[in-house]
Amino acid sequence: MIRFGSTKWLTRMAMLAAISLVLVYLFHPPLFTEYLRYDMADVPILMGTFMFGPVSGVLLTAVVSVLQWLLVSPGGGWVGAAMHFFATGGFALAAGLVYRRLHSRGGALLSLMVGSLCMIALMIPLNYIFTVNFYGTPKDMLDAMIWPIIVPFNAIKAGLNSIFTFFLYKSVAKLFKFEPHKKQGGTSPQE
């Protein structure tokens, strides 16, 4: 098992952060509106969460959020970084906590569903806090967009990232030569 804070852990976390940045840089098509863009940046973060636990997933989210703000999408400013951190961090934390208890393929599926729901739910108040107060979007305009645009967008983004994570995790874990810690009576995600 790779220890938290070890050189192997740091190296793998850095690789996942780099992959996340490359994915958001290369592929981020708009959905619904020009400013709502789908990106796969959360997929490496979720894989890191599954490999190293929920705390590592939240730390990886923080690093990726800041780097994405500084290197890829400076137009969103610190507000975009904060929204990404809270939304994806909530997803990673929820998914990681469930997966830690249910370390199996079924547990991975359940954890991704719980994490997706957490992210979708978090984005409602986050949009009211950040979009209204810092981007200057009128509240009544946001009220009109929440259910027909914002919630479906976040559901699609979380759903697609969950699907990619679920189907790619095993291969990436092997590539990283990650050997999951087996709990008594539990199974590894590769079984």
N, C-alpha and C. Protein backbone atom coordinates (compact mmCIF):
# COMPACT_ATOMS: atom_id res chain seq x y z
N MET A 1 0.84 -1.18 0.00
CA MET A 1 0.00 0.00 0.00
C MET A 1 0.89 1.24 0.00
N ILE A 2 0.50 2.22 -0.77
CA ILE A 2 1.25 3.46 -0.85
C ILE A 2 0.81 4.37 0.29
N ARG A 3 1.78 4.81 1.08
CA ARG A 3 1.49 5.63 2.25
C ARG A 3 1.22 7.08 1.85
N PHE A 4 0.28 7.69 2.55
CA PHE A 4 -0.03 9.10 2.39
C PHE A 4 1.22 9.92 2.67
N GLY A 5 1.58 10.81 1.76
CA GLY A 5 2.75 11.66 1.95
C GLY A 5 4.07 11.08 1.48
N SER A 6 4.07 9.81 1.08
CA SER A 6 5.31 9.19 0.62
C SER A 6 5.68 9.72 -0.77
N THR A 7 6.89 9.44 -1.20
CA THR A 7 7.33 9.87 -2.53
C THR A 7 6.47 9.24 -3.61
N LYS A 8 6.12 7.96 -3.47
CA LYS A 8 5.26 7.30 -4.45
C LYS A 8 3.89 7.97 -4.50
N TRP A 9 3.34 8.28 -3.34
CA TRP A 9 2.04 8.95 -3.28
C TRP A 9 2.12 10.31 -3.97
N LEU A 10 3.14 11.08 -3.65
CA LEU A 10 3.32 12.42 -4.23
C LEU A 10 3.47 12.34 -5.74
N THR A 11 4.25 11.39 -6.22
CA THR A 11 4.47 11.22 -7.66
C THR A 11 3.18 10.88 -8.38
N ARG A 12 2.42 9.95 -7.84
CA ARG A 12 1.17 9.53 -8.47
C ARG A 12 0.13 10.66 -8.41
N MET A 13 0.10 11.39 -7.32
CA MET A 13 -0.83 12.52 -7.21
C MET A 13 -0.47 13.59 -8.25
N ALA A 14 0.82 13.86 -8.42
CA ALA A 14 1.27 14.85 -9.40
C ALA A 14 0.90 14.40 -10.82
N MET A 15 1.05 13.11 -11.11
CA MET A 15 0.68 12.59 -12.43
C MET A 15 -0.82 12.75 -12.67
N LEU A 16 -1.63 12.45 -11.66
CA LEU A 16 -3.08 12.60 -11.80
C LEU A 16 -3.47 14.07 -12.00
N ALA A 17 -2.81 14.97 -11.28
CA ALA A 17 -3.08 16.40 -11.45
C ALA A 17 -2.72 16.85 -12.86
N ALA A 18 -1.58 16.38 -13.36
CA ALA A 18 -1.16 16.74 -14.72
C ALA A 18 -2.14 16.21 -15.76
N ILE A 19 -2.58 14.98 -15.60
CA ILE A 19 -3.56 14.41 -16.53
C ILE A 19 -4.86 15.21 -16.49
N SER A 20 -5.27 15.60 -15.31
CA SER A 20 -6.49 16.39 -15.15
C SER A 20 -6.38 17.71 -15.91
N LEU A 21 -5.25 18.39 -15.78
CA LEU A 21 -5.05 19.66 -16.48
C LEU A 21 -5.01 19.48 -17.99
N VAL A 22 -4.36 18.44 -18.45
CA VAL A 22 -4.29 18.17 -19.89
C VAL A 22 -5.70 17.91 -20.43
N LEU A 23 -6.49 17.14 -19.71
CA LEU A 23 -7.85 16.84 -20.16
C LEU A 23 -8.71 18.09 -20.27
N VAL A 24 -8.64 18.97 -19.27
CA VAL A 24 -9.46 20.18 -19.33
C VAL A 24 -8.94 21.13 -20.39
N TYR A 25 -7.67 21.13 -20.64
CA TYR A 25 -7.09 22.01 -21.66
C TYR A 25 -7.47 21.55 -23.07
N LEU A 26 -7.43 20.24 -23.31
CA LEU A 26 -7.67 19.71 -24.64
C LEU A 26 -9.14 19.53 -25.00
N PHE A 27 -9.97 19.27 -23.99
CA PHE A 27 -11.35 18.88 -24.29
C PHE A 27 -12.30 19.55 -23.29
N HIS A 28 -12.96 20.60 -23.72
CA HIS A 28 -13.96 21.24 -22.87
C HIS A 28 -15.05 21.92 -23.71
N PRO A 29 -15.88 21.10 -24.38
CA PRO A 29 -16.93 21.67 -25.23
C PRO A 29 -18.05 22.30 -24.39
N PRO A 30 -18.70 23.33 -24.93
CA PRO A 30 -19.82 23.94 -24.21
C PRO A 30 -21.05 23.04 -24.24
N LEU A 31 -21.81 23.06 -23.14
CA LEU A 31 -23.10 22.38 -23.07
C LEU A 31 -24.11 23.43 -22.61
N PHE A 32 -25.24 23.51 -23.24
CA PHE A 32 -26.33 24.44 -22.92
C PHE A 32 -25.95 25.90 -23.23
N THR A 33 -24.88 26.41 -22.63
CA THR A 33 -24.46 27.79 -22.86
C THR A 33 -22.94 27.81 -23.04
N GLU A 34 -22.41 28.93 -23.50
CA GLU A 34 -20.97 29.05 -23.74
C GLU A 34 -20.15 28.91 -22.47
N TYR A 35 -20.66 29.37 -21.35
CA TYR A 35 -19.87 29.33 -20.12
C TYR A 35 -20.02 28.03 -19.34
N LEU A 36 -20.98 27.20 -19.68
CA LEU A 36 -21.11 25.88 -19.04
C LEU A 36 -20.44 24.86 -19.94
N ARG A 37 -19.23 24.48 -19.57
CA ARG A 37 -18.42 23.59 -20.41
C ARG A 37 -18.18 22.27 -19.69
N TYR A 38 -18.35 21.20 -20.45
CA TYR A 38 -18.03 19.87 -19.91
C TYR A 38 -16.51 19.68 -19.96
N ASP A 39 -15.95 19.15 -18.89
CA ASP A 39 -14.55 18.75 -18.92
C ASP A 39 -14.38 17.47 -18.12
N MET A 40 -13.33 16.76 -18.46
CA MET A 40 -13.05 15.47 -17.81
C MET A 40 -12.05 15.61 -16.67
N ALA A 41 -11.80 16.81 -16.21
CA ALA A 41 -10.80 17.04 -15.16
C ALA A 41 -11.08 16.26 -13.89
N ASP A 42 -12.35 15.96 -13.64
CA ASP A 42 -12.70 15.24 -12.42
C ASP A 42 -12.39 13.75 -12.47
N VAL A 43 -12.22 13.19 -13.66
CA VAL A 43 -11.97 11.75 -13.78
C VAL A 43 -10.66 11.35 -13.07
N PRO A 44 -9.52 12.00 -13.35
CA PRO A 44 -8.31 11.65 -12.61
C PRO A 44 -8.42 11.92 -11.11
N ILE A 45 -9.18 12.95 -10.75
CA ILE A 45 -9.38 13.25 -9.32
C ILE A 45 -10.14 12.11 -8.66
N LEU A 46 -11.18 11.62 -9.31
CA LEU A 46 -11.96 10.51 -8.74
C LEU A 46 -11.13 9.23 -8.68
N MET A 47 -10.29 9.01 -9.67
CA MET A 47 -9.41 7.84 -9.64
C MET A 47 -8.43 7.95 -8.47
N GLY A 48 -7.89 9.14 -8.27
CA GLY A 48 -7.01 9.36 -7.12
C GLY A 48 -7.73 9.14 -5.81
N THR A 49 -9.00 9.53 -5.76
CA THR A 49 -9.82 9.29 -4.57
C THR A 49 -9.98 7.80 -4.32
N PHE A 50 -10.26 7.04 -5.36
CA PHE A 50 -10.41 5.59 -5.21
C PHE A 50 -9.10 4.92 -4.81
N MET A 51 -7.99 5.40 -5.37
CA MET A 51 -6.69 4.78 -5.08
C MET A 51 -6.17 5.14 -3.69
N PHE A 52 -6.34 6.41 -3.29
CA PHE A 52 -5.66 6.88 -2.09
C PHE A 52 -6.57 7.37 -0.98
N GLY A 53 -7.88 7.41 -1.22
CA GLY A 53 -8.81 7.79 -0.18
C GLY A 53 -9.38 9.19 -0.35
N PRO A 54 -10.42 9.49 0.46
CA PRO A 54 -11.13 10.76 0.31
C PRO A 54 -10.29 12.00 0.62
N VAL A 55 -9.40 11.94 1.58
CA VAL A 55 -8.56 13.10 1.90
C VAL A 55 -7.64 13.42 0.72
N SER A 56 -7.05 12.39 0.13
CA SER A 56 -6.20 12.59 -1.04
C SER A 56 -7.01 13.16 -2.20
N GLY A 57 -8.25 12.71 -2.35
CA GLY A 57 -9.11 13.23 -3.41
C GLY A 57 -9.39 14.72 -3.24
N VAL A 58 -9.63 15.14 -2.00
CA VAL A 58 -9.89 16.56 -1.74
C VAL A 58 -8.62 17.38 -1.94
N LEU A 59 -7.47 16.86 -1.51
CA LEU A 59 -6.20 17.56 -1.74
C LEU A 59 -5.90 17.70 -3.23
N LEU A 60 -6.14 16.62 -3.97
CA LEU A 60 -5.94 16.64 -5.42
C LEU A 60 -6.87 17.67 -6.07
N THR A 61 -8.10 17.74 -5.59
CA THR A 61 -9.06 18.73 -6.10
C THR A 61 -8.54 20.15 -5.86
N ALA A 62 -7.99 20.41 -4.68
CA ALA A 62 -7.47 21.74 -4.37
C ALA A 62 -6.33 22.12 -5.31
N VAL A 63 -5.40 21.20 -5.51
CA VAL A 63 -4.27 21.46 -6.40
C VAL A 63 -4.74 21.71 -7.83
N VAL A 64 -5.61 20.85 -8.33
CA VAL A 64 -6.11 20.98 -9.70
C VAL A 64 -6.91 22.27 -9.86
N SER A 65 -7.72 22.63 -8.87
CA SER A 65 -8.52 23.86 -8.95
C SER A 65 -7.63 25.08 -9.10
N VAL A 66 -6.59 25.17 -8.30
CA VAL A 66 -5.68 26.32 -8.36
C VAL A 66 -4.91 26.32 -9.68
N LEU A 67 -4.37 25.17 -10.08
CA LEU A 67 -3.62 25.10 -11.33
C LEU A 67 -4.50 25.37 -12.55
N GLN A 68 -5.72 24.87 -12.51
CA GLN A 68 -6.65 25.11 -13.62
C GLN A 68 -6.94 26.61 -13.72
N TRP A 69 -7.13 27.27 -12.59
CA TRP A 69 -7.38 28.71 -12.57
C TRP A 69 -6.18 29.47 -13.15
N LEU A 70 -4.98 29.12 -12.71
CA LEU A 70 -3.79 29.87 -13.11
C LEU A 70 -3.32 29.56 -14.54
N LEU A 71 -3.48 28.29 -14.99
CA LEU A 71 -2.89 27.87 -16.25
C LEU A 71 -3.86 27.67 -17.41
N VAL A 72 -5.09 27.30 -17.11
CA VAL A 72 -6.00 26.90 -18.18
C VAL A 72 -7.15 27.88 -18.38
N SER A 73 -7.80 28.27 -17.29
CA SER A 73 -8.97 29.14 -17.43
C SER A 73 -8.91 30.32 -16.46
N PRO A 74 -7.98 31.23 -16.70
CA PRO A 74 -7.85 32.37 -15.79
C PRO A 74 -9.07 33.30 -15.81
N GLY A 75 -9.88 33.22 -16.86
CA GLY A 75 -11.07 34.06 -16.96
C GLY A 75 -12.07 33.82 -15.83
N GLY A 76 -12.10 32.60 -15.32
CA GLY A 76 -13.02 32.27 -14.23
C GLY A 76 -12.55 32.83 -12.90
N GLY A 77 -11.28 33.18 -12.83
CA GLY A 77 -10.71 33.76 -11.61
C GLY A 77 -10.79 32.83 -10.41
N TRP A 78 -10.60 33.42 -9.26
CA TRP A 78 -10.62 32.62 -8.04
C TRP A 78 -12.01 32.07 -7.77
N VAL A 79 -13.05 32.73 -8.31
CA VAL A 79 -14.42 32.26 -8.10
C VAL A 79 -14.62 30.90 -8.78
N GLY A 80 -14.14 30.78 -10.02
CA GLY A 80 -14.24 29.50 -10.72
C GLY A 80 -13.46 28.41 -10.00
N ALA A 81 -12.29 28.76 -9.49
CA ALA A 81 -11.48 27.80 -8.74
C ALA A 81 -12.20 27.37 -7.47
N ALA A 82 -12.80 28.32 -6.77
CA ALA A 82 -13.52 28.00 -5.53
C ALA A 82 -14.72 27.11 -5.81
N MET A 83 -15.48 27.44 -6.86
CA MET A 83 -16.64 26.61 -7.20
C MET A 83 -16.21 25.20 -7.59
N HIS A 84 -15.13 25.09 -8.36
CA HIS A 84 -14.63 23.77 -8.74
C HIS A 84 -14.18 23.00 -7.50
N PHE A 85 -13.48 23.68 -6.61
CA PHE A 85 -13.01 23.00 -5.41
C PHE A 85 -14.17 22.47 -4.57
N PHE A 86 -15.18 23.30 -4.31
CA PHE A 86 -16.29 22.86 -3.46
C PHE A 86 -17.13 21.78 -4.13
N ALA A 87 -17.41 21.93 -5.42
CA ALA A 87 -18.25 20.95 -6.13
C ALA A 87 -17.52 19.62 -6.29
N THR A 88 -16.32 19.66 -6.85
CA THR A 88 -15.57 18.42 -7.07
C THR A 88 -15.06 17.85 -5.75
N GLY A 89 -14.67 18.73 -4.84
CA GLY A 89 -14.24 18.26 -3.51
C GLY A 89 -15.37 17.53 -2.79
N GLY A 90 -16.59 18.06 -2.90
CA GLY A 90 -17.74 17.38 -2.30
C GLY A 90 -18.00 16.03 -2.95
N PHE A 91 -17.88 15.99 -4.28
CA PHE A 91 -18.03 14.74 -5.02
C PHE A 91 -16.99 13.73 -4.55
N ALA A 92 -15.72 14.15 -4.52
CA ALA A 92 -14.63 13.24 -4.15
C ALA A 92 -14.77 12.77 -2.70
N LEU A 93 -15.11 13.68 -1.81
CA LEU A 93 -15.25 13.31 -0.40
C LEU A 93 -16.38 12.30 -0.20
N ALA A 94 -17.55 12.59 -0.78
CA ALA A 94 -18.68 11.67 -0.64
C ALA A 94 -18.38 10.31 -1.27
N ALA A 95 -17.87 10.33 -2.50
CA ALA A 95 -17.55 9.07 -3.19
C ALA A 95 -16.47 8.30 -2.45
N GLY A 96 -15.45 9.01 -1.98
CA GLY A 96 -14.35 8.35 -1.27
C GLY A 96 -14.78 7.72 0.04
N LEU A 97 -15.67 8.39 0.76
CA LEU A 97 -16.14 7.82 2.03
C LEU A 97 -16.97 6.56 1.81
N VAL A 98 -17.82 6.58 0.78
CA VAL A 98 -18.63 5.39 0.47
C VAL A 98 -17.73 4.26 -0.01
N TYR A 99 -16.79 4.59 -0.92
CA TYR A 99 -15.91 3.56 -1.48
C TYR A 99 -14.99 2.95 -0.42
N ARG A 100 -14.61 3.74 0.55
CA ARG A 100 -13.77 3.22 1.64
C ARG A 100 -14.49 2.11 2.40
N ARG A 101 -15.80 2.25 2.57
CA ARG A 101 -16.59 1.24 3.29
C ARG A 101 -16.99 0.07 2.39
N LEU A 102 -17.28 0.35 1.13
CA LEU A 102 -17.74 -0.67 0.19
C LEU A 102 -16.73 -0.78 -0.94
N HIS A 103 -15.65 -1.45 -0.66
CA HIS A 103 -14.51 -1.53 -1.58
C HIS A 103 -14.72 -2.66 -2.60
N SER A 104 -15.64 -2.42 -3.54
CA SER A 104 -15.96 -3.41 -4.58
C SER A 104 -16.47 -2.66 -5.80
N ARG A 105 -16.76 -3.40 -6.87
CA ARG A 105 -17.31 -2.75 -8.08
C ARG A 105 -18.67 -2.13 -7.77
N GLY A 106 -19.49 -2.86 -7.03
CA GLY A 106 -20.80 -2.32 -6.64
C GLY A 106 -20.64 -1.10 -5.75
N GLY A 107 -19.66 -1.15 -4.85
CA GLY A 107 -19.39 -0.01 -3.99
C GLY A 107 -18.90 1.18 -4.79
N ALA A 108 -18.09 0.92 -5.82
CA ALA A 108 -17.61 2.00 -6.69
C ALA A 108 -18.79 2.66 -7.41
N LEU A 109 -19.69 1.85 -7.92
CA LEU A 109 -20.86 2.38 -8.61
C LEU A 109 -21.72 3.22 -7.66
N LEU A 110 -21.98 2.68 -6.47
CA LEU A 110 -22.77 3.41 -5.48
C LEU A 110 -22.06 4.71 -5.07
N SER A 111 -20.75 4.64 -4.86
CA SER A 111 -20.01 5.83 -4.43
C SER A 111 -20.06 6.92 -5.50
N LEU A 112 -19.99 6.54 -6.77
CA LEU A 112 -20.06 7.52 -7.85
C LEU A 112 -21.46 8.14 -7.94
N MET A 113 -22.49 7.36 -7.67
CA MET A 113 -23.85 7.91 -7.67
C MET A 113 -24.03 8.88 -6.51
N VAL A 114 -23.57 8.50 -5.32
CA VAL A 114 -23.68 9.38 -4.15
C VAL A 114 -22.87 10.66 -4.37
N GLY A 115 -21.65 10.51 -4.88
CA GLY A 115 -20.83 11.68 -5.17
C GLY A 115 -21.46 12.60 -6.20
N SER A 116 -22.05 12.01 -7.24
CA SER A 116 -22.72 12.82 -8.27
C SER A 116 -23.87 13.61 -7.67
N LEU A 117 -24.69 12.95 -6.86
CA LEU A 117 -25.81 13.64 -6.22
C LEU A 117 -25.33 14.76 -5.30
N CYS A 118 -24.24 14.51 -4.61
CA CYS A 118 -23.65 15.52 -3.73
C CYS A 118 -23.21 16.74 -4.54
N MET A 119 -22.53 16.51 -5.65
CA MET A 119 -22.07 17.60 -6.50
C MET A 119 -23.23 18.40 -7.07
N ILE A 120 -24.23 17.70 -7.57
CA ILE A 120 -25.40 18.36 -8.15
C ILE A 120 -26.08 19.23 -7.09
N ALA A 121 -26.25 18.68 -5.89
CA ALA A 121 -26.89 19.43 -4.80
C ALA A 121 -26.04 20.63 -4.38
N LEU A 122 -24.73 20.45 -4.29
CA LEU A 122 -23.84 21.56 -3.89
C LEU A 122 -23.84 22.71 -4.88
N MET A 123 -23.98 22.40 -6.16
CA MET A 123 -23.90 23.45 -7.17
C MET A 123 -25.08 24.41 -7.13
N ILE A 124 -26.18 24.02 -6.51
CA ILE A 124 -27.32 24.94 -6.41
C ILE A 124 -26.97 26.11 -5.48
N PRO A 125 -26.62 25.87 -4.21
CA PRO A 125 -26.25 27.02 -3.37
C PRO A 125 -24.96 27.71 -3.82
N LEU A 126 -24.00 26.94 -4.37
CA LEU A 126 -22.76 27.56 -4.83
C LEU A 126 -23.03 28.58 -5.94
N ASN A 127 -23.95 28.26 -6.83
CA ASN A 127 -24.30 29.21 -7.88
C ASN A 127 -24.95 30.46 -7.30
N TYR A 128 -25.80 30.28 -6.31
CA TYR A 128 -26.43 31.45 -5.69
C TYR A 128 -25.40 32.29 -4.94
N ILE A 129 -24.47 31.66 -4.29
CA ILE A 129 -23.45 32.40 -3.54
C ILE A 129 -22.47 33.09 -4.49
N PHE A 130 -21.86 32.32 -5.39
CA PHE A 130 -20.78 32.86 -6.20
C PHE A 130 -21.24 33.57 -7.47
N THR A 131 -22.16 32.98 -8.20
CA THR A 131 -22.57 33.56 -9.48
C THR A 131 -23.29 34.89 -9.27
N VAL A 132 -24.15 34.95 -8.26
CA VAL A 132 -24.89 36.19 -8.00
C VAL A 132 -23.98 37.24 -7.38
N ASN A 133 -23.21 36.86 -6.36
CA ASN A 133 -22.42 37.85 -5.61
C ASN A 133 -21.12 38.26 -6.28
N PHE A 134 -20.51 37.40 -7.08
CA PHE A 134 -19.20 37.73 -7.63
C PHE A 134 -19.19 37.91 -9.15
N TYR A 135 -20.10 37.21 -9.86
CA TYR A 135 -20.17 37.39 -11.30
C TYR A 135 -21.26 38.40 -11.69
N GLY A 136 -22.08 38.78 -10.71
CA GLY A 136 -23.10 39.79 -10.96
C GLY A 136 -24.33 39.31 -11.70
N THR A 137 -24.56 38.02 -11.75
CA THR A 137 -25.76 37.49 -12.39
C THR A 137 -26.96 37.83 -11.51
N PRO A 138 -28.00 38.44 -12.07
CA PRO A 138 -29.18 38.76 -11.25
C PRO A 138 -29.82 37.48 -10.71
N LYS A 139 -30.28 37.54 -9.47
CA LYS A 139 -30.85 36.36 -8.80
C LYS A 139 -32.05 35.81 -9.57
N ASP A 140 -32.91 36.69 -10.09
CA ASP A 140 -34.08 36.20 -10.82
C ASP A 140 -33.69 35.47 -12.10
N MET A 141 -32.58 35.88 -12.73
CA MET A 141 -32.08 35.18 -13.91
C MET A 141 -31.56 33.80 -13.51
N LEU A 142 -30.85 33.73 -12.39
CA LEU A 142 -30.35 32.44 -11.91
C LEU A 142 -31.51 31.53 -11.51
N ASP A 143 -32.54 32.11 -10.87
CA ASP A 143 -33.74 31.32 -10.52
C ASP A 143 -34.31 30.62 -11.75
N ALA A 144 -34.32 31.35 -12.86
CA ALA A 144 -34.89 30.79 -14.10
C ALA A 144 -33.98 29.74 -14.74
N MET A 145 -32.69 29.76 -14.38
CA MET A 145 -31.74 28.82 -15.00
C MET A 145 -31.44 27.58 -14.17
N ILE A 146 -31.70 27.62 -12.88
CA ILE A 146 -31.27 26.53 -11.99
C ILE A 146 -31.80 25.17 -12.47
N TRP A 147 -33.11 25.00 -12.58
CA TRP A 147 -33.65 23.67 -12.90
C TRP A 147 -33.56 23.30 -14.38
N PRO A 148 -33.79 24.22 -15.32
CA PRO A 148 -33.70 23.78 -16.71
C PRO A 148 -32.28 23.73 -17.28
N ILE A 149 -31.31 24.44 -16.65
CA ILE A 149 -29.96 24.48 -17.23
C ILE A 149 -28.88 24.00 -16.26
N ILE A 150 -28.77 24.60 -15.09
CA ILE A 150 -27.66 24.31 -14.17
C ILE A 150 -27.72 22.88 -13.63
N VAL A 151 -28.86 22.46 -13.14
CA VAL A 151 -28.97 21.10 -12.59
C VAL A 151 -28.74 20.05 -13.67
N PRO A 152 -29.39 20.15 -14.86
CA PRO A 152 -29.10 19.15 -15.90
C PRO A 152 -27.63 19.15 -16.34
N PHE A 153 -27.03 20.34 -16.46
CA PHE A 153 -25.62 20.41 -16.84
C PHE A 153 -24.75 19.65 -15.83
N ASN A 154 -24.96 19.90 -14.55
CA ASN A 154 -24.15 19.23 -13.53
C ASN A 154 -24.44 17.73 -13.46
N ALA A 155 -25.68 17.34 -13.75
CA ALA A 155 -26.03 15.92 -13.79
C ALA A 155 -25.30 15.23 -14.95
N ILE A 156 -25.28 15.89 -16.11
CA ILE A 156 -24.58 15.32 -17.27
C ILE A 156 -23.08 15.23 -16.99
N LYS A 157 -22.50 16.31 -16.47
CA LYS A 157 -21.06 16.32 -16.19
C LYS A 157 -20.70 15.25 -15.16
N ALA A 158 -21.43 15.20 -14.07
CA ALA A 158 -21.14 14.20 -13.03
C ALA A 158 -21.36 12.79 -13.56
N GLY A 159 -22.42 12.61 -14.34
CA GLY A 159 -22.71 11.29 -14.89
C GLY A 159 -21.64 10.79 -15.85
N LEU A 160 -21.24 11.66 -16.78
CA LEU A 160 -20.19 11.27 -17.73
C LEU A 160 -18.87 10.99 -17.02
N ASN A 161 -18.50 11.85 -16.08
CA ASN A 161 -17.24 11.63 -15.35
C ASN A 161 -17.30 10.36 -14.51
N SER A 162 -18.47 10.04 -13.98
CA SER A 162 -18.63 8.79 -13.23
C SER A 162 -18.48 7.58 -14.13
N ILE A 163 -19.09 7.65 -15.31
CA ILE A 163 -18.99 6.52 -16.27
C ILE A 163 -17.54 6.30 -16.67
N PHE A 164 -16.84 7.40 -17.05
CA PHE A 164 -15.43 7.26 -17.43
C PHE A 164 -14.60 6.71 -16.28
N THR A 165 -14.84 7.20 -15.08
CA THR A 165 -14.09 6.72 -13.91
C THR A 165 -14.34 5.24 -13.68
N PHE A 166 -15.60 4.85 -13.72
CA PHE A 166 -15.97 3.47 -13.44
C PHE A 166 -15.30 2.50 -14.41
N PHE A 167 -15.29 2.85 -15.69
CA PHE A 167 -14.75 1.94 -16.69
C PHE A 167 -13.24 2.04 -16.88
N LEU A 168 -12.63 3.15 -16.51
CA LEU A 168 -11.19 3.31 -16.71
C LEU A 168 -10.36 3.05 -15.45
N TYR A 169 -10.99 3.05 -14.29
CA TYR A 169 -10.25 2.96 -13.03
C TYR A 169 -9.34 1.73 -12.95
N LYS A 170 -9.86 0.58 -13.31
CA LYS A 170 -9.08 -0.66 -13.19
C LYS A 170 -7.79 -0.58 -14.02
N SER A 171 -7.92 -0.09 -15.25
CA SER A 171 -6.74 0.01 -16.12
C SER A 171 -5.74 1.02 -15.60
N VAL A 172 -6.22 2.15 -15.13
CA VAL A 172 -5.32 3.19 -14.62
C VAL A 172 -4.64 2.72 -13.34
N ALA A 173 -5.38 2.04 -12.47
CA ALA A 173 -4.79 1.52 -11.24
C ALA A 173 -3.67 0.52 -11.56
N LYS A 174 -3.88 -0.32 -12.58
CA LYS A 174 -2.83 -1.26 -12.99
C LYS A 174 -1.63 -0.51 -13.56
N LEU A 175 -1.90 0.51 -14.36
CA LEU A 175 -0.84 1.32 -14.95
C LEU A 175 0.01 1.98 -13.84
N PHE A 176 -0.66 2.40 -12.80
CA PHE A 176 0.03 3.03 -11.66
C PHE A 176 0.63 1.99 -10.71
N LYS A 177 0.42 0.70 -11.05
CA LYS A 177 0.89 -0.40 -10.21
C LYS A 177 0.41 -0.24 -8.78
N PHE A 178 -0.86 0.15 -8.67
CA PHE A 178 -1.48 0.35 -7.36
C PHE A 178 -2.00 -0.98 -6.86
N GLU A 179 -1.62 -1.32 -5.67
CA GLU A 179 -2.10 -2.55 -5.05
C GLU A 179 -2.98 -2.16 -3.88
N PRO A 180 -4.31 -2.29 -4.06
CA PRO A 180 -5.22 -1.85 -3.01
C PRO A 180 -5.06 -2.66 -1.73
N HIS A 181 -5.28 -1.98 -0.63
CA HIS A 181 -5.24 -2.62 0.68
C HIS A 181 -6.52 -3.41 0.85
N LYS A 182 -6.39 -4.70 1.14
CA LYS A 182 -7.58 -5.52 1.35
C LYS A 182 -7.95 -5.51 2.82
N LYS A 183 -9.20 -5.16 3.08
CA LYS A 183 -9.73 -5.24 4.44
C LYS A 183 -10.18 -6.67 4.67
N GLN A 184 -10.26 -7.06 5.92
CA GLN A 184 -10.74 -8.40 6.19
C GLN A 184 -12.19 -8.50 5.71
N GLY A 185 -12.44 -9.53 4.94
CA GLY A 185 -13.78 -9.76 4.44
C GLY A 185 -14.14 -8.90 3.23
N GLY A 186 -13.24 -8.01 2.82
CA GLY A 186 -13.52 -7.12 1.68
C GLY A 186 -12.87 -7.64 0.42
N THR A 187 -13.19 -6.99 -0.67
CA THR A 187 -12.58 -7.34 -1.95
C THR A 187 -11.92 -6.12 -2.53
N SER A 188 -10.97 -6.37 -3.39
CA SER A 188 -10.31 -5.24 -4.06
C SER A 188 -11.18 -4.79 -5.23
N PRO A 189 -10.97 -3.57 -5.74
CA PRO A 189 -11.77 -3.10 -6.87
C PRO A 189 -11.48 -3.87 -8.14
N GLN A 190 -10.38 -4.62 -8.19
CA GLN A 190 -10.07 -5.39 -9.37
C GLN A 190 -10.80 -6.72 -9.42
N GLU A 191 -11.45 -7.10 -8.35
CA GLU A 191 -12.14 -8.40 -8.33
C GLU A 191 -13.58 -8.26 -8.77
